[in-house]
Amino acid sequence: VIDVYKGYFSVYYIPLLFLDESTNIVKALAGFSAIL
């Protein structure tokens, strides 16, 4: 549960902290960073 949710949280929520509207590229970078 922790491992799945942190991946979801990184892609869905973190970009919204800095951008009004995030692109798929930014979301993908966030996702890979969380996996890393």
PDB file of all heavy atoms in Angstrom:
ATOM      1  N   VAL A   1       0.835  -1.205   0.000  1.00  0.00           N
ATOM      2  CA  VAL A   1       0.000   0.000   0.000  1.00  0.00           C
ATOM      3  C   VAL A   1       0.872   1.259   0.000  1.00  0.00           C
ATOM      4  O   VAL A   1       0.621   2.201  -0.764  1.00  0.00           O
ATOM      5  CB  VAL A   1      -0.948   0.004   1.224  1.00  0.00           C
ATOM      6  CG1 VAL A   1      -1.614   1.372   1.390  1.00  0.00           C
ATOM      7  CG2 VAL A   1      -2.012  -1.075   1.059  1.00  0.00           C
ATOM      8  N   ILE A   2       1.891   1.270   0.838  1.00  0.00           N
ATOM      9  CA  ILE A   2       2.796   2.423   0.899  1.00  0.00           C
ATOM     10  C   ILE A   2       3.529   2.602  -0.426  1.00  0.00           C
ATOM     11  O   ILE A   2       3.610   3.713  -0.969  1.00  0.00           O
ATOM     12  CB  ILE A   2       3.813   2.267   2.048  1.00  0.00           C
ATOM     13  CG1 ILE A   2       3.101   2.334   3.393  1.00  0.00           C
ATOM     14  CG2 ILE A   2       4.897   3.355   1.971  1.00  0.00           C
ATOM     15  CD1 ILE A   2       3.988   2.015   4.577  1.00  0.00           C
ATOM     16  N   ASP A   3       4.059   1.509  -0.969  1.00  0.00           N
ATOM     17  CA  ASP A   3       4.868   1.590  -2.188  1.00  0.00           C
ATOM     18  C   ASP A   3       4.043   2.016  -3.405  1.00  0.00           C
ATOM     19  O   ASP A   3       4.501   2.806  -4.234  1.00  0.00           O
ATOM     20  CB  ASP A   3       5.544   0.247  -2.453  1.00  0.00           C
ATOM     21  CG  ASP A   3       6.645  -0.056  -1.448  1.00  0.00           C
ATOM     22  OD1 ASP A   3       7.040   0.868  -0.710  1.00  0.00           O
ATOM     23  OD2 ASP A   3       7.107  -1.208  -1.398  1.00  0.00           O
ATOM     24  N   VAL A   4       2.820   1.482  -3.512  1.00  0.00           N
ATOM     25  CA  VAL A   4       1.953   1.865  -4.640  1.00  0.00           C
ATOM     26  C   VAL A   4       1.520   3.319  -4.502  1.00  0.00           C
ATOM     27  O   VAL A   4       1.577   4.095  -5.469  1.00  0.00           O
ATOM     28  CB  VAL A   4       0.723   0.938  -4.726  1.00  0.00           C
ATOM     29  CG1 VAL A   4      -0.271   1.475  -5.756  1.00  0.00           C
ATOM     30  CG2 VAL A   4       1.147  -0.475  -5.116  1.00  0.00           C
ATOM     31  N   TYR A   5       1.107   3.698  -3.292  1.00  0.00           N
ATOM     32  CA  TYR A   5       0.568   5.052  -3.127  1.00  0.00           C
ATOM     33  C   TYR A   5       1.626   6.129  -3.324  1.00  0.00           C
ATOM     34  O   TYR A   5       1.324   7.202  -3.868  1.00  0.00           O
ATOM     35  CB  TYR A   5      -0.083   5.222  -1.758  1.00  0.00           C
ATOM     36  CG  TYR A   5      -0.768   6.566  -1.637  1.00  0.00           C
ATOM     37  CD1 TYR A   5      -1.928   6.833  -2.358  1.00  0.00           C
ATOM     38  CD2 TYR A   5      -0.223   7.579  -0.851  1.00  0.00           C
ATOM     39  CE1 TYR A   5      -2.539   8.075  -2.288  1.00  0.00           C
ATOM     40  CE2 TYR A   5      -0.832   8.816  -0.769  1.00  0.00           C
ATOM     41  CZ  TYR A   5      -1.989   9.067  -1.495  1.00  0.00           C
ATOM     42  OH  TYR A   5      -2.582  10.297  -1.435  1.00  0.00           O
ATOM     43  N   LYS A   6       2.864   5.865  -2.916  1.00  0.00           N
ATOM     44  CA  LYS A   6       3.879   6.920  -3.095  1.00  0.00           C
ATOM     45  C   LYS A   6       4.152   7.156  -4.585  1.00  0.00           C
ATOM     46  O   LYS A   6       4.474   8.272  -4.988  1.00  0.00           O
ATOM     47  CB  LYS A   6       5.163   6.568  -2.344  1.00  0.00           C
ATOM     48  CG  LYS A   6       5.960   5.419  -2.911  1.00  0.00           C
ATOM     49  CD  LYS A   6       7.143   5.087  -2.013  1.00  0.00           C
ATOM     50  CE  LYS A   6       7.987   3.954  -2.584  1.00  0.00           C
ATOM     51  NZ  LYS A   6       9.083   3.559  -1.677  1.00  0.00           N
ATOM     52  N   GLY A   7       4.018   6.108  -5.404  1.00  0.00           N
ATOM     53  CA  GLY A   7       4.146   6.283  -6.849  1.00  0.00           C
ATOM     54  C   GLY A   7       3.012   7.118  -7.402  1.00  0.00           C
ATOM     55  O   GLY A   7       3.219   8.044  -8.198  1.00  0.00           O
ATOM     56  N   TYR A   8       1.791   6.799  -6.962  1.00  0.00           N
ATOM     57  CA  TYR A   8       0.616   7.561  -7.383  1.00  0.00           C
ATOM     58  C   TYR A   8       0.710   9.010  -6.923  1.00  0.00           C
ATOM     59  O   TYR A   8       0.466   9.942  -7.694  1.00  0.00           O
ATOM     60  CB  TYR A   8      -0.644   6.910  -6.816  1.00  0.00           C
ATOM     61  CG  TYR A   8      -1.924   7.615  -7.180  1.00  0.00           C
ATOM     62  CD1 TYR A   8      -2.584   7.314  -8.369  1.00  0.00           C
ATOM     63  CD2 TYR A   8      -2.471   8.599  -6.350  1.00  0.00           C
ATOM     64  CE1 TYR A   8      -3.766   7.971  -8.711  1.00  0.00           C
ATOM     65  CE2 TYR A   8      -3.636   9.254  -6.685  1.00  0.00           C
ATOM     66  CZ  TYR A   8      -4.276   8.936  -7.872  1.00  0.00           C
ATOM     67  OH  TYR A   8      -5.434   9.591  -8.224  1.00  0.00           O
ATOM     68  N   PHE A   9       1.072   9.205  -5.669  1.00  0.00           N
ATOM     69  CA  PHE A   9       1.172  10.548  -5.092  1.00  0.00           C
ATOM     70  C   PHE A   9       2.184  11.407  -5.841  1.00  0.00           C
ATOM     71  O   PHE A   9       1.937  12.588  -6.117  1.00  0.00           O
ATOM     72  CB  PHE A   9       1.576  10.430  -3.616  1.00  0.00           C
ATOM     73  CG  PHE A   9       1.668  11.744  -2.901  1.00  0.00           C
ATOM     74  CD1 PHE A   9       0.552  12.300  -2.303  1.00  0.00           C
ATOM     75  CD2 PHE A   9       2.874  12.421  -2.828  1.00  0.00           C
ATOM     76  CE1 PHE A   9       0.633  13.524  -1.643  1.00  0.00           C
ATOM     77  CE2 PHE A   9       2.977  13.644  -2.167  1.00  0.00           C
ATOM     78  CZ  PHE A   9       1.846  14.199  -1.570  1.00  0.00           C
ATOM     79  N   SER A  10       3.310  10.812  -6.193  1.00  0.00           N
ATOM     80  CA  SER A  10       4.369  11.568  -6.872  1.00  0.00           C
ATOM     81  C   SER A  10       3.925  12.084  -8.228  1.00  0.00           C
ATOM     82  O   SER A  10       4.258  13.207  -8.610  1.00  0.00           O
ATOM     83  CB  SER A  10       5.621  10.682  -7.031  1.00  0.00           C
ATOM     84  OG  SER A  10       6.152  10.347  -5.774  1.00  0.00           O
ATOM     85  N   VAL A  11       3.175  11.267  -8.944  1.00  0.00           N
ATOM     86  CA  VAL A  11       2.744  11.659 -10.292  1.00  0.00           C
ATOM     87  C   VAL A  11       1.531  12.577 -10.253  1.00  0.00           C
ATOM     88  O   VAL A  11       1.458  13.567 -10.990  1.00  0.00           O
ATOM     89  CB  VAL A  11       2.431  10.409 -11.142  1.00  0.00           C
ATOM     90  CG1 VAL A  11       1.827  10.798 -12.490  1.00  0.00           C
ATOM     91  CG2 VAL A  11       3.692   9.589 -11.357  1.00  0.00           C
ATOM     92  N   TYR A  12       0.575  12.258  -9.396  1.00  0.00           N
ATOM     93  CA  TYR A  12      -0.698  12.988  -9.414  1.00  0.00           C
ATOM     94  C   TYR A  12      -0.658  14.301  -8.641  1.00  0.00           C
ATOM     95  O   TYR A  12      -1.226  15.308  -9.078  1.00  0.00           O
ATOM     96  CB  TYR A  12      -1.804  12.095  -8.844  1.00  0.00           C
ATOM     97  CG  TYR A  12      -3.199  12.629  -9.092  1.00  0.00           C
ATOM     98  CD1 TYR A  12      -3.863  12.352 -10.282  1.00  0.00           C
ATOM     99  CD2 TYR A  12      -3.848  13.425  -8.141  1.00  0.00           C
ATOM    100  CE1 TYR A  12      -5.144  12.844 -10.515  1.00  0.00           C
ATOM    101  CE2 TYR A  12      -5.113  13.924  -8.367  1.00  0.00           C
ATOM    102  CZ  TYR A  12      -5.755  13.627  -9.560  1.00  0.00           C
ATOM    103  OH  TYR A  12      -7.007  14.118  -9.808  1.00  0.00           O
ATOM    104  N   TYR A  13       0.005  14.305  -7.493  1.00  0.00           N
ATOM    105  CA  TYR A  13      -0.077  15.463  -6.604  1.00  0.00           C
ATOM    106  C   TYR A  13       1.136  16.392  -6.631  1.00  0.00           C
ATOM    107  O   TYR A  13       0.980  17.615  -6.592  1.00  0.00           O
ATOM    108  CB  TYR A  13      -0.315  15.010  -5.162  1.00  0.00           C
ATOM    109  CG  TYR A  13      -1.699  14.460  -4.927  1.00  0.00           C
ATOM    110  CD1 TYR A  13      -1.894  13.098  -4.753  1.00  0.00           C
ATOM    111  CD2 TYR A  13      -2.811  15.293  -4.895  1.00  0.00           C
ATOM    112  CE1 TYR A  13      -3.166  12.574  -4.543  1.00  0.00           C
ATOM    113  CE2 TYR A  13      -4.088  14.795  -4.684  1.00  0.00           C
ATOM    114  CZ  TYR A  13      -4.252  13.434  -4.510  1.00  0.00           C
ATOM    115  OH  TYR A  13      -5.518  12.936  -4.307  1.00  0.00           O
ATOM    116  N   ILE A  14       2.336  15.831  -6.667  1.00  0.00           N
ATOM    117  CA  ILE A  14       3.520  16.681  -6.554  1.00  0.00           C
ATOM    118  C   ILE A  14       3.620  17.733  -7.661  1.00  0.00           C
ATOM    119  O   ILE A  14       3.935  18.897  -7.378  1.00  0.00           O
ATOM    120  CB  ILE A  14       4.802  15.823  -6.468  1.00  0.00           C
ATOM    121  CG1 ILE A  14       4.815  15.070  -5.131  1.00  0.00           C
ATOM    122  CG2 ILE A  14       6.060  16.688  -6.598  1.00  0.00           C
ATOM    123  CD1 ILE A  14       5.986  14.155  -4.932  1.00  0.00           C
ATOM    124  N   PRO A  15       3.349  17.382  -8.940  1.00  0.00           N
ATOM    125  CA  PRO A  15       3.396  18.444  -9.966  1.00  0.00           C
ATOM    126  C   PRO A  15       2.431  19.592  -9.695  1.00  0.00           C
ATOM    127  O   PRO A  15       2.708  20.741 -10.058  1.00  0.00           O
ATOM    128  CB  PRO A  15       3.018  17.687 -11.253  1.00  0.00           C
ATOM    129  CG  PRO A  15       3.455  16.282 -10.994  1.00  0.00           C
ATOM    130  CD  PRO A  15       3.151  16.058  -9.541  1.00  0.00           C
ATOM    131  N   LEU A  16       1.303  19.294  -9.032  1.00  0.00           N
ATOM    132  CA  LEU A  16       0.316  20.342  -8.749  1.00  0.00           C
ATOM    133  C   LEU A  16       0.802  21.342  -7.714  1.00  0.00           C
ATOM    134  O   LEU A  16       0.242  22.441  -7.594  1.00  0.00           O
ATOM    135  CB  LEU A  16      -0.992  19.696  -8.261  1.00  0.00           C
ATOM    136  CG  LEU A  16      -1.722  18.800  -9.267  1.00  0.00           C
ATOM    137  CD1 LEU A  16      -2.973  18.206  -8.633  1.00  0.00           C
ATOM    138  CD2 LEU A  16      -2.076  19.572 -10.536  1.00  0.00           C
ATOM    139  N   LEU A  17       1.840  20.986  -6.976  1.00  0.00           N
ATOM    140  CA  LEU A  17       2.398  21.915  -5.998  1.00  0.00           C
ATOM    141  C   LEU A  17       3.138  23.065  -6.668  1.00  0.00           C
ATOM    142  O   LEU A  17       3.288  24.146  -6.078  1.00  0.00           O
ATOM    143  CB  LEU A  17       3.361  21.177  -5.060  1.00  0.00           C
ATOM    144  CG  LEU A  17       2.773  20.067  -4.186  1.00  0.00           C
ATOM    145  CD1 LEU A  17       3.882  19.366  -3.416  1.00  0.00           C
ATOM    146  CD2 LEU A  17       1.723  20.635  -3.232  1.00  0.00           C
ATOM    147  N   PHE A  18       3.576  22.833  -7.907  1.00  0.00           N
ATOM    148  CA  PHE A  18       4.426  23.823  -8.574  1.00  0.00           C
ATOM    149  C   PHE A  18       3.856  24.318  -9.907  1.00  0.00           C
ATOM    150  O   PHE A  18       4.275  25.360 -10.400  1.00  0.00           O
ATOM    151  CB  PHE A  18       5.819  23.222  -8.831  1.00  0.00           C
ATOM    152  CG  PHE A  18       6.514  22.791  -7.581  1.00  0.00           C
ATOM    153  CD1 PHE A  18       6.438  21.480  -7.145  1.00  0.00           C
ATOM    154  CD2 PHE A  18       7.237  23.700  -6.817  1.00  0.00           C
ATOM    155  CE1 PHE A  18       7.079  21.073  -5.991  1.00  0.00           C
ATOM    156  CE2 PHE A  18       7.876  23.307  -5.652  1.00  0.00           C
ATOM    157  CZ  PHE A  18       7.792  21.988  -5.238  1.00  0.00           C
ATOM    158  N   LEU A  19       2.928  23.569 -10.480  1.00  0.00           N
ATOM    159  CA  LEU A  19       2.399  23.925 -11.791  1.00  0.00           C
ATOM    160  C   LEU A  19       0.874  23.940 -11.765  1.00  0.00           C
ATOM    161  O   LEU A  19       0.252  23.074 -11.142  1.00  0.00           O
ATOM    162  CB  LEU A  19       2.868  22.915 -12.854  1.00  0.00           C
ATOM    163  CG  LEU A  19       4.390  22.768 -13.037  1.00  0.00           C
ATOM    164  CD1 LEU A  19       4.681  21.582 -13.955  1.00  0.00           C
ATOM    165  CD2 LEU A  19       4.991  24.041 -13.612  1.00  0.00           C
ATOM    166  N   ASP A  20       0.277  24.910 -12.444  1.00  0.00           N
ATOM    167  CA  ASP A  20      -1.178  24.952 -12.550  1.00  0.00           C
ATOM    168  C   ASP A  20      -1.688  23.788 -13.381  1.00  0.00           C
ATOM    169  O   ASP A  20      -2.749  23.231 -13.109  1.00  0.00           O
ATOM    170  CB  ASP A  20      -1.623  26.280 -13.178  1.00  0.00           C
ATOM    171  CG  ASP A  20      -1.321  27.468 -12.273  1.00  0.00           C
ATOM    172  OD1 ASP A  20      -1.334  27.280 -11.042  1.00  0.00           O
ATOM    173  OD2 ASP A  20      -1.054  28.560 -12.803  1.00  0.00           O
ATOM    174  N   GLU A  21      -0.924  23.441 -14.392  1.00  0.00           N
ATOM    175  CA  GLU A  21      -1.300  22.316 -15.262  1.00  0.00           C
ATOM    176  C   GLU A  21      -0.015  21.613 -15.715  1.00  0.00           C
ATOM    177  O   GLU A  21       0.804  22.205 -16.410  1.00  0.00           O
ATOM    178  CB  GLU A  21      -2.086  22.810 -16.483  1.00  0.00           C
ATOM    179  CG  GLU A  21      -2.638  21.685 -17.326  1.00  0.00           C
ATOM    180  CD  GLU A  21      -3.532  22.199 -18.444  1.00  0.00           C
ATOM    181  OE1 GLU A  21      -3.890  23.401 -18.419  1.00  0.00           O
ATOM    182  OE2 GLU A  21      -3.849  21.411 -19.345  1.00  0.00           O
ATOM    183  N   SER A  22       0.156  20.381 -15.307  1.00  0.00           N
ATOM    184  CA  SER A  22       1.390  19.664 -15.624  1.00  0.00           C
ATOM    185  C   SER A  22       1.225  18.855 -16.912  1.00  0.00           C
ATOM    186  O   SER A  22       0.126  18.419 -17.254  1.00  0.00           O
ATOM    187  CB  SER A  22       1.784  18.721 -14.487  1.00  0.00           C
ATOM    188  OG  SER A  22       0.762  17.788 -14.236  1.00  0.00           O
ATOM    189  N   THR A  23       2.309  18.670 -17.617  1.00  0.00           N
ATOM    190  CA  THR A  23       2.307  17.900 -18.861  1.00  0.00           C
ATOM    191  C   THR A  23       2.633  16.440 -18.558  1.00  0.00           C
ATOM    192  O   THR A  23       3.095  16.086 -17.469  1.00  0.00           O
ATOM    193  CB  THR A  23       3.363  18.459 -19.830  1.00  0.00           C
ATOM    194  OG1 THR A  23       4.664  18.285 -19.246  1.00  0.00           O
ATOM    195  CG2 THR A  23       3.116  19.928 -20.112  1.00  0.00           C
ATOM    196  N   ASN A  24       2.406  15.586 -19.545  1.00  0.00           N
ATOM    197  CA  ASN A  24       2.738  14.168 -19.386  1.00  0.00           C
ATOM    198  C   ASN A  24       4.242  13.969 -19.186  1.00  0.00           C
ATOM    199  O   ASN A  24       4.657  13.048 -18.484  1.00  0.00           O
ATOM    200  CB  ASN A  24       2.266  13.374 -20.609  1.00  0.00           C
ATOM    201  CG  ASN A  24       0.767  13.162 -20.606  1.00  0.00           C
ATOM    202  OD1 ASN A  24       0.133  13.146 -19.547  1.00  0.00           O
ATOM    203  ND2 ASN A  24       0.190  12.989 -21.776  1.00  0.00           N
ATOM    204  N   ILE A  25       5.036  14.829 -19.789  1.00  0.00           N
ATOM    205  CA  ILE A  25       6.492  14.716 -19.625  1.00  0.00           C
ATOM    206  C   ILE A  25       6.884  14.964 -18.169  1.00  0.00           C
ATOM    207  O   ILE A  25       7.682  14.214 -17.591  1.00  0.00           O
ATOM    208  CB  ILE A  25       7.229  15.707 -20.556  1.00  0.00           C
ATOM    209  CG1 ILE A  25       7.025  15.313 -22.028  1.00  0.00           C
ATOM    210  CG2 ILE A  25       8.723  15.745 -20.228  1.00  0.00           C
ATOM    211  CD1 ILE A  25       7.640  16.283 -23.015  1.00  0.00           C
ATOM    212  N   VAL A  26       6.321  15.999 -17.586  1.00  0.00           N
ATOM    213  CA  VAL A  26       6.624  16.312 -16.180  1.00  0.00           C
ATOM    214  C   VAL A  26       6.137  15.180 -15.282  1.00  0.00           C
ATOM    215  O   VAL A  26       6.845  14.753 -14.351  1.00  0.00           O
ATOM    216  CB  VAL A  26       5.974  17.648 -15.766  1.00  0.00           C
ATOM    217  CG1 VAL A  26       6.105  17.862 -14.262  1.00  0.00           C
ATOM    218  CG2 VAL A  26       6.617  18.803 -16.520  1.00  0.00           C
ATOM    219  N   LYS A  27       4.941  14.667 -15.542  1.00  0.00           N
ATOM    220  CA  LYS A  27       4.403  13.562 -14.742  1.00  0.00           C
ATOM    221  C   LYS A  27       5.277  12.314 -14.882  1.00  0.00           C
ATOM    222  O   LYS A  27       5.518  11.599 -13.901  1.00  0.00           O
ATOM    223  CB  LYS A  27       2.974  13.244 -15.176  1.00  0.00           C
ATOM    224  CG  LYS A  27       1.955  14.306 -14.797  1.00  0.00           C
ATOM    225  CD  LYS A  27       0.575  13.906 -15.270  1.00  0.00           C
ATOM    226  CE  LYS A  27      -0.471  14.940 -14.872  1.00  0.00           C
ATOM    227  NZ  LYS A  27      -1.825  14.567 -15.361  1.00  0.00           N
ATOM    228  N   ALA A  28       5.736  12.054 -16.104  1.00  0.00           N
ATOM    229  CA  ALA A  28       6.603  10.895 -16.325  1.00  0.00           C
ATOM    230  C   ALA A  28       7.926  11.044 -15.581  1.00  0.00           C
ATOM    231  O   ALA A  28       8.440  10.078 -14.997  1.00  0.00           O
ATOM    232  CB  ALA A  28       6.855  10.711 -17.823  1.00  0.00           C
ATOM    233  N   LEU A  29       8.473  12.250 -15.576  1.00  0.00           N
ATOM    234  CA  LEU A  29       9.707  12.507 -14.827  1.00  0.00           C
ATOM    235  C   LEU A  29       9.482  12.299 -13.327  1.00  0.00           C
ATOM    236  O   LEU A  29      10.325  11.721 -12.633  1.00  0.00           O
ATOM    237  CB  LEU A  29      10.199  13.928 -15.089  1.00  0.00           C
ATOM    238  CG  LEU A  29      10.817  14.191 -16.464  1.00  0.00           C
ATOM    239  CD1 LEU A  29      11.065  15.691 -16.658  1.00  0.00           C
ATOM    240  CD2 LEU A  29      12.119  13.421 -16.629  1.00  0.00           C
ATOM    241  N   ALA A  30       8.333  12.748 -12.850  1.00  0.00           N
ATOM    242  CA  ALA A  30       7.999  12.548 -11.434  1.00  0.00           C
ATOM    243  C   ALA A  30       7.864  11.064 -11.125  1.00  0.00           C
ATOM    244  O   ALA A  30       8.352  10.581 -10.094  1.00  0.00           O
ATOM    245  CB  ALA A  30       6.701  13.284 -11.093  1.00  0.00           C
ATOM    246  N   GLY A  31       7.206  10.333 -12.031  1.00  0.00           N
ATOM    247  CA  GLY A  31       7.022   8.897 -11.833  1.00  0.00           C
ATOM    248  C   GLY A  31       8.324   8.141 -11.801  1.00  0.00           C
ATOM    249  O   GLY A  31       8.563   7.318 -10.908  1.00  0.00           O
ATOM    250  N   PHE A  32       9.187   8.426 -12.755  1.00  0.00           N
ATOM    251  CA  PHE A  32      10.467   7.707 -12.789  1.00  0.00           C
ATOM    252  C   PHE A  32      11.325   8.077 -11.591  1.00  0.00           C
ATOM    253  O   PHE A  32      12.032   7.222 -11.042  1.00  0.00           O
ATOM    254  CB  PHE A  32      11.229   7.990 -14.082  1.00  0.00           C
ATOM    255  CG  PHE A  32      12.538   7.245 -14.134  1.00  0.00           C
ATOM    256  CD1 PHE A  32      12.561   5.870 -14.264  1.00  0.00           C
ATOM    257  CD2 PHE A  32      13.735   7.916 -13.998  1.00  0.00           C
ATOM    258  CE1 PHE A  32      13.754   5.171 -14.282  1.00  0.00           C
ATOM    259  CE2 PHE A  32      14.940   7.233 -14.013  1.00  0.00           C
ATOM    260  CZ  PHE A  32      14.946   5.849 -14.162  1.00  0.00           C
ATOM    261  N   SER A  33      11.248   9.318 -11.157  1.00  0.00           N
ATOM    262  CA  SER A  33      12.017   9.748  -9.982  1.00  0.00           C
ATOM    263  C   SER A  33      11.567   8.991  -8.738  1.00  0.00           C
ATOM    264  O   SER A  33      12.391   8.596  -7.907  1.00  0.00           O
ATOM    265  CB  SER A  33      11.859  11.248  -9.766  1.00  0.00           C
ATOM    266  OG  SER A  33      12.356  11.974 -10.868  1.00  0.00           O
ATOM    267  N   ALA A  34      10.253   8.784  -8.614  1.00  0.00           N
ATOM    268  CA  ALA A  34       9.726   8.031  -7.470  1.00  0.00           C
ATOM    269  C   ALA A  34      10.196   6.579  -7.514  1.00  0.00           C
ATOM    270  O   ALA A  34      10.566   6.003  -6.490  1.00  0.00           O
ATOM    271  CB  ALA A  34       8.200   8.090  -7.469  1.00  0.00           C
ATOM    272  N   ILE A  35      10.178   5.980  -8.709  1.00  0.00           N
ATOM    273  CA  ILE A  35      10.649   4.595  -8.863  1.00  0.00           C
ATOM    274  C   ILE A  35      12.126   4.503  -8.517  1.00  0.00           C
ATOM    275  O   ILE A  35      12.565   3.587  -7.816  1.00  0.00           O
ATOM    276  CB  ILE A  35      10.404   4.101 -10.302  1.00  0.00           C
ATOM    277  CG1 ILE A  35       8.902   4.064 -10.607  1.00  0.00           C
ATOM    278  CG2 ILE A  35      11.015   2.716 -10.507  1.00  0.00           C
ATOM    279  CD1 ILE A  35       8.575   3.838 -12.071  1.00  0.00           C
ATOM    280  N   LEU A  36      12.887   5.474  -8.994  1.00  0.00           N
ATOM    281  CA  LEU A  36      14.326   5.504  -8.706  1.00  0.00           C
ATOM    282  C   LEU A  36      14.563   5.639  -7.201  1.00  0.00           C
ATOM    283  O   LEU A  36      15.454   4.995  -6.642  1.00  0.00           O
ATOM    284  CB  LEU A  36      14.975   6.671  -9.450  1.00  0.00           C
ATOM    285  CG  LEU A  36      16.482   6.593  -9.701  1.00  0.00           C
ATOM    286  CD1 LEU A  36      16.818   5.416 -10.598  1.00  0.00           C
ATOM    287  CD2 LEU A  36      16.980   7.882 -10.323  1.00  0.00           C
TER     288      LEU A  36
END
